[in-house]
């Protein structure tokens, strides 16, 4: 699914519930703003948690030794932050085609 497909689906969802009150252009701005907000938060080393969907985090990769594919000589890859996504239990169950049962502790 591309970003354009995502905008199409969001526009269709909104038009079903609220009527044709929002244009595709406005919906594209909303999707772009949402993605920009995630990018900015990750750039500032912040975690983003979307309940029922998952968590975007920054994880630190350690320094490691790799090999140059052309020469085979060892090359040191420096430590760096990388973005990771951890899906929620609900999303994992949905993808697996099973029913998610929320556990409550009393």
N, C-alpha and C. Protein backbone atom coordinates (compact mmCIF):
# COMPACT_ATOMS: atom_id res chain seq x y z
N UNK A 1 0.85 -1.17 0.00
CA UNK A 1 0.00 0.00 0.00
C UNK A 1 0.90 1.24 0.00
N UNK A 2 0.61 2.15 -0.90
CA UNK A 2 1.37 3.40 -0.97
C UNK A 2 0.68 4.47 -0.16
N UNK A 3 1.35 5.61 -0.02
CA UNK A 3 0.73 6.72 0.72
C UNK A 3 -0.53 7.20 0.01
N UNK A 4 -0.51 7.19 -1.33
CA UNK A 4 -1.70 7.60 -2.09
C UNK A 4 -2.87 6.64 -1.82
N UNK A 5 -2.58 5.35 -1.73
CA UNK A 5 -3.62 4.37 -1.40
C UNK A 5 -4.17 4.62 0.00
N UNK A 6 -3.27 4.95 0.91
CA UNK A 6 -3.69 5.24 2.28
C UNK A 6 -4.61 6.45 2.32
N UNK A 7 -4.26 7.49 1.58
CA UNK A 7 -5.10 8.70 1.51
C UNK A 7 -6.47 8.34 0.94
N UNK A 8 -6.51 7.51 -0.10
CA UNK A 8 -7.78 7.06 -0.69
C UNK A 8 -8.65 6.38 0.35
N UNK A 9 -8.04 5.44 1.11
CA UNK A 9 -8.82 4.68 2.09
C UNK A 9 -9.31 5.56 3.23
N UNK A 10 -8.47 6.48 3.69
CA UNK A 10 -8.89 7.37 4.77
C UNK A 10 -10.02 8.28 4.29
N UNK A 11 -9.90 8.80 3.07
CA UNK A 11 -10.96 9.65 2.51
C UNK A 11 -12.26 8.87 2.40
N UNK A 12 -12.19 7.62 1.95
CA UNK A 12 -13.39 6.80 1.82
C UNK A 12 -14.02 6.52 3.19
N UNK A 13 -13.19 6.23 4.19
CA UNK A 13 -13.70 5.98 5.55
C UNK A 13 -14.42 7.20 6.10
N UNK A 14 -13.81 8.37 5.94
CA UNK A 14 -14.40 9.59 6.48
C UNK A 14 -15.69 9.92 5.75
N UNK A 15 -15.72 9.74 4.43
CA UNK A 15 -16.92 10.07 3.67
C UNK A 15 -18.07 9.13 4.03
N UNK A 16 -17.78 7.89 4.46
CA UNK A 16 -18.84 6.97 4.88
C UNK A 16 -19.48 7.40 6.18
N UNK A 17 -18.66 7.90 7.11
CA UNK A 17 -19.19 8.23 8.43
C UNK A 17 -19.66 9.68 8.54
N UNK A 18 -18.94 10.60 7.91
CA UNK A 18 -19.26 12.02 8.09
C UNK A 18 -19.80 12.67 6.82
N UNK A 19 -19.91 11.90 5.76
CA UNK A 19 -20.35 12.48 4.49
C UNK A 19 -19.16 13.10 3.78
N UNK A 20 -19.41 13.61 2.57
CA UNK A 20 -18.29 14.16 1.78
C UNK A 20 -17.86 15.55 2.26
N UNK A 21 -17.48 15.62 3.54
CA UNK A 21 -17.11 16.92 4.12
C UNK A 21 -15.63 17.23 3.95
N UNK A 22 -14.82 16.23 3.70
CA UNK A 22 -13.38 16.45 3.61
C UNK A 22 -12.91 16.04 2.21
N UNK A 23 -12.08 16.88 1.63
CA UNK A 23 -11.58 16.58 0.29
C UNK A 23 -10.38 15.65 0.38
N UNK A 24 -10.02 15.07 -0.75
CA UNK A 24 -8.87 14.18 -0.80
C UNK A 24 -7.59 14.96 -0.49
N UNK A 25 -7.56 16.22 -0.92
CA UNK A 25 -6.40 17.07 -0.67
C UNK A 25 -6.22 17.32 0.83
N UNK A 26 -7.33 17.60 1.53
CA UNK A 26 -7.27 17.81 2.98
C UNK A 26 -6.86 16.53 3.70
N UNK A 27 -7.37 15.42 3.21
CA UNK A 27 -7.03 14.13 3.82
C UNK A 27 -5.54 13.83 3.63
N UNK A 28 -5.00 14.18 2.47
CA UNK A 28 -3.57 13.99 2.22
C UNK A 28 -2.74 14.84 3.17
N UNK A 29 -3.22 16.04 3.46
CA UNK A 29 -2.51 16.89 4.43
C UNK A 29 -2.51 16.27 5.82
N UNK A 30 -3.63 15.67 6.20
CA UNK A 30 -3.72 15.02 7.52
C UNK A 30 -2.75 13.85 7.59
N UNK A 31 -2.73 13.01 6.56
CA UNK A 31 -1.83 11.86 6.55
C UNK A 31 -0.37 12.33 6.57
N UNK A 32 -0.05 13.34 5.77
CA UNK A 32 1.32 13.88 5.76
C UNK A 32 1.70 14.45 7.12
N UNK A 33 0.78 15.17 7.75
CA UNK A 33 1.06 15.75 9.07
C UNK A 33 1.29 14.66 10.11
N UNK A 34 0.50 13.60 10.05
CA UNK A 34 0.66 12.49 10.98
C UNK A 34 2.03 11.85 10.82
N UNK A 35 2.41 11.57 9.58
CA UNK A 35 3.71 10.95 9.33
C UNK A 35 4.86 11.88 9.70
N UNK A 36 4.70 13.19 9.44
CA UNK A 36 5.73 14.15 9.82
C UNK A 36 5.89 14.22 11.34
N UNK A 37 4.78 14.13 12.07
CA UNK A 37 4.84 14.16 13.53
C UNK A 37 5.61 12.95 14.05
N UNK A 38 5.40 11.79 13.45
CA UNK A 38 6.14 10.58 13.84
C UNK A 38 7.62 10.75 13.54
N UNK A 39 7.94 11.26 12.35
CA UNK A 39 9.34 11.46 11.97
C UNK A 39 10.05 12.42 12.92
N UNK A 40 9.39 13.54 13.25
CA UNK A 40 10.00 14.54 14.13
C UNK A 40 10.22 13.97 15.53
N UNK A 41 9.26 13.21 16.04
CA UNK A 41 9.41 12.62 17.37
C UNK A 41 10.57 11.62 17.39
N UNK A 42 10.69 10.81 16.35
CA UNK A 42 11.79 9.86 16.28
C UNK A 42 13.13 10.57 16.14
N UNK A 43 13.13 11.67 15.40
CA UNK A 43 14.36 12.45 15.23
C UNK A 43 14.82 13.01 16.57
N UNK A 44 13.86 13.34 17.45
CA UNK A 44 14.18 13.86 18.78
C UNK A 44 14.38 12.74 19.80
N UNK A 45 14.51 11.48 19.31
CA UNK A 45 14.76 10.31 20.15
C UNK A 45 13.59 10.01 21.10
N UNK A 46 12.36 10.35 20.71
CA UNK A 46 11.17 10.08 21.52
C UNK A 46 10.47 8.84 21.00
N UNK A 47 9.77 8.14 21.89
CA UNK A 47 8.95 6.99 21.51
C UNK A 47 7.54 7.45 21.20
N UNK A 48 6.88 6.77 20.27
CA UNK A 48 5.49 7.07 19.92
C UNK A 48 4.68 5.81 20.14
N UNK A 49 3.63 5.91 20.94
CA UNK A 49 2.78 4.77 21.21
C UNK A 49 1.38 5.06 20.68
N UNK A 50 0.90 4.22 19.76
CA UNK A 50 -0.45 4.33 19.23
C UNK A 50 -1.20 3.11 19.73
N UNK A 51 -2.09 3.31 20.69
CA UNK A 51 -2.80 2.19 21.33
C UNK A 51 -3.55 1.37 20.29
N UNK A 52 -3.42 0.06 20.40
CA UNK A 52 -4.08 -0.85 19.48
C UNK A 52 -3.36 -1.02 18.16
N UNK A 53 -2.27 -0.28 17.94
CA UNK A 53 -1.51 -0.38 16.69
C UNK A 53 -0.08 -0.82 16.97
N UNK A 54 0.65 -0.03 17.76
CA UNK A 54 2.03 -0.40 18.08
C UNK A 54 2.83 0.77 18.58
N UNK A 55 4.13 0.54 18.73
CA UNK A 55 5.04 1.54 19.27
C UNK A 55 6.22 1.73 18.33
N UNK A 56 6.53 2.99 18.03
CA UNK A 56 7.72 3.34 17.29
C UNK A 56 8.77 3.76 18.30
N UNK A 57 9.96 3.19 18.22
CA UNK A 57 11.03 3.49 19.18
C UNK A 57 12.33 3.73 18.44
N UNK A 58 13.28 4.31 19.17
CA UNK A 58 14.65 4.43 18.68
C UNK A 58 15.49 3.46 19.50
N UNK A 59 16.23 2.61 18.80
CA UNK A 59 17.10 1.65 19.46
C UNK A 59 18.54 1.95 19.04
N UNK A 60 19.46 1.81 19.96
CA UNK A 60 20.87 2.04 19.66
C UNK A 60 21.51 0.76 19.15
N UNK A 61 22.08 0.80 17.98
CA UNK A 61 22.83 -0.33 17.44
C UNK A 61 24.25 -0.24 17.95
N UNK A 62 24.83 -1.36 18.30
CA UNK A 62 26.20 -1.40 18.79
C UNK A 62 27.19 -1.33 17.63
N UNK A 63 28.41 -0.95 17.95
CA UNK A 63 29.48 -1.00 16.96
C UNK A 63 29.73 -2.46 16.62
N UNK A 64 29.96 -2.75 15.33
CA UNK A 64 30.18 -4.14 14.93
C UNK A 64 31.15 -4.20 13.77
N UNK A 65 31.67 -5.37 13.57
CA UNK A 65 32.56 -5.60 12.44
C UNK A 65 31.75 -6.21 11.30
N UNK A 66 31.96 -5.68 10.09
CA UNK A 66 31.32 -6.20 8.89
C UNK A 66 32.40 -6.46 7.85
N UNK A 67 32.00 -6.94 6.70
CA UNK A 67 32.96 -7.22 5.63
C UNK A 67 32.57 -6.42 4.39
N UNK A 68 33.59 -5.87 3.74
CA UNK A 68 33.38 -5.20 2.46
C UNK A 68 33.07 -6.30 1.44
N UNK A 69 31.90 -6.24 0.77
CA UNK A 69 31.54 -7.32 -0.14
C UNK A 69 32.47 -7.47 -1.34
N UNK A 70 33.12 -6.41 -1.76
CA UNK A 70 34.02 -6.48 -2.93
C UNK A 70 35.38 -7.08 -2.57
N UNK A 71 35.95 -6.58 -1.48
CA UNK A 71 37.31 -7.00 -1.13
C UNK A 71 37.36 -8.07 -0.06
N UNK A 72 36.29 -8.17 0.74
CA UNK A 72 36.28 -9.14 1.83
C UNK A 72 37.02 -8.65 3.07
N UNK A 73 37.55 -7.43 3.03
CA UNK A 73 38.28 -6.91 4.18
C UNK A 73 37.30 -6.46 5.27
N UNK A 74 37.70 -6.61 6.54
CA UNK A 74 36.82 -6.21 7.64
C UNK A 74 36.69 -4.68 7.71
N UNK A 75 35.47 -4.24 8.02
CA UNK A 75 35.17 -2.81 8.14
C UNK A 75 34.39 -2.63 9.44
N UNK A 76 34.74 -1.61 10.21
CA UNK A 76 34.00 -1.34 11.44
C UNK A 76 32.80 -0.46 11.13
N UNK A 77 31.62 -0.91 11.56
CA UNK A 77 30.39 -0.14 11.41
C UNK A 77 30.12 0.51 12.77
N UNK A 78 30.07 1.83 12.80
CA UNK A 78 29.93 2.54 14.07
C UNK A 78 28.53 2.40 14.65
N UNK A 79 28.43 2.65 15.95
CA UNK A 79 27.14 2.61 16.65
C UNK A 79 26.27 3.75 16.13
N UNK A 80 24.96 3.47 16.05
CA UNK A 80 24.05 4.51 15.57
C UNK A 80 22.63 4.20 16.02
N UNK A 81 21.79 5.22 16.11
CA UNK A 81 20.38 4.98 16.45
C UNK A 81 19.60 4.53 15.21
N UNK A 82 18.67 3.59 15.39
CA UNK A 82 17.83 3.12 14.30
C UNK A 82 16.36 3.10 14.76
N UNK A 83 15.42 3.44 13.89
CA UNK A 83 14.01 3.36 14.26
C UNK A 83 13.52 1.91 14.18
N UNK A 84 12.69 1.51 15.14
CA UNK A 84 12.09 0.18 15.13
C UNK A 84 10.60 0.32 15.42
N UNK A 85 9.83 -0.66 14.97
CA UNK A 85 8.39 -0.68 15.22
C UNK A 85 8.04 -1.99 15.90
N UNK A 86 7.30 -1.90 17.01
CA UNK A 86 6.84 -3.10 17.72
C UNK A 86 5.32 -3.09 17.66
N UNK A 87 4.72 -4.05 16.95
CA UNK A 87 3.26 -4.07 16.85
C UNK A 87 2.62 -4.44 18.18
N UNK A 88 1.40 -3.96 18.38
CA UNK A 88 0.66 -4.29 19.60
C UNK A 88 0.17 -5.73 19.54
N UNK A 89 -0.23 -6.27 20.66
CA UNK A 89 -0.77 -7.62 20.71
C UNK A 89 -2.02 -7.72 19.84
N UNK A 90 -2.81 -6.67 19.87
CA UNK A 90 -4.05 -6.63 19.08
C UNK A 90 -3.75 -6.70 17.58
N UNK A 91 -2.76 -5.95 17.12
CA UNK A 91 -2.38 -5.96 15.70
C UNK A 91 -1.79 -7.31 15.31
N UNK A 92 -0.94 -7.87 16.17
CA UNK A 92 -0.36 -9.18 15.87
C UNK A 92 -1.45 -10.25 15.73
N UNK A 93 -2.45 -10.20 16.62
CA UNK A 93 -3.55 -11.17 16.55
C UNK A 93 -4.36 -10.98 15.27
N UNK A 94 -4.58 -9.73 14.88
CA UNK A 94 -5.34 -9.43 13.68
C UNK A 94 -4.63 -9.96 12.44
N UNK A 95 -3.32 -9.75 12.36
CA UNK A 95 -2.54 -10.23 11.22
C UNK A 95 -2.52 -11.75 11.18
N UNK A 96 -2.45 -12.38 12.34
CA UNK A 96 -2.41 -13.84 12.42
C UNK A 96 -3.78 -14.46 12.17
N UNK A 97 -4.83 -13.65 12.20
CA UNK A 97 -6.17 -14.16 11.96
C UNK A 97 -6.80 -14.80 13.18
N UNK A 98 -6.28 -14.46 14.36
CA UNK A 98 -6.85 -14.98 15.60
C UNK A 98 -7.55 -13.86 16.33
N UNK A 99 -8.34 -14.24 17.32
CA UNK A 99 -9.06 -13.24 18.09
C UNK A 99 -8.21 -12.78 19.26
N UNK A 100 -8.15 -11.46 19.44
CA UNK A 100 -7.38 -10.90 20.55
C UNK A 100 -8.27 -10.87 21.78
N UNK A 101 -7.81 -11.47 22.87
CA UNK A 101 -8.54 -11.47 24.12
C UNK A 101 -7.75 -10.64 25.11
N UNK A 102 -8.34 -9.54 25.52
CA UNK A 102 -7.66 -8.65 26.46
C UNK A 102 -7.71 -9.25 27.85
N UNK A 103 -6.55 -9.31 28.49
CA UNK A 103 -6.46 -9.90 29.82
C UNK A 103 -6.57 -8.81 30.86
N UNK A 104 -7.44 -9.02 31.84
CA UNK A 104 -7.60 -8.07 32.93
C UNK A 104 -7.14 -8.72 34.22
N UNK A 105 -6.46 -7.93 35.04
CA UNK A 105 -6.06 -8.42 36.35
C UNK A 105 -6.91 -7.75 37.40
N UNK A 106 -7.46 -8.55 38.30
CA UNK A 106 -8.30 -7.98 39.38
C UNK A 106 -7.56 -7.94 40.67
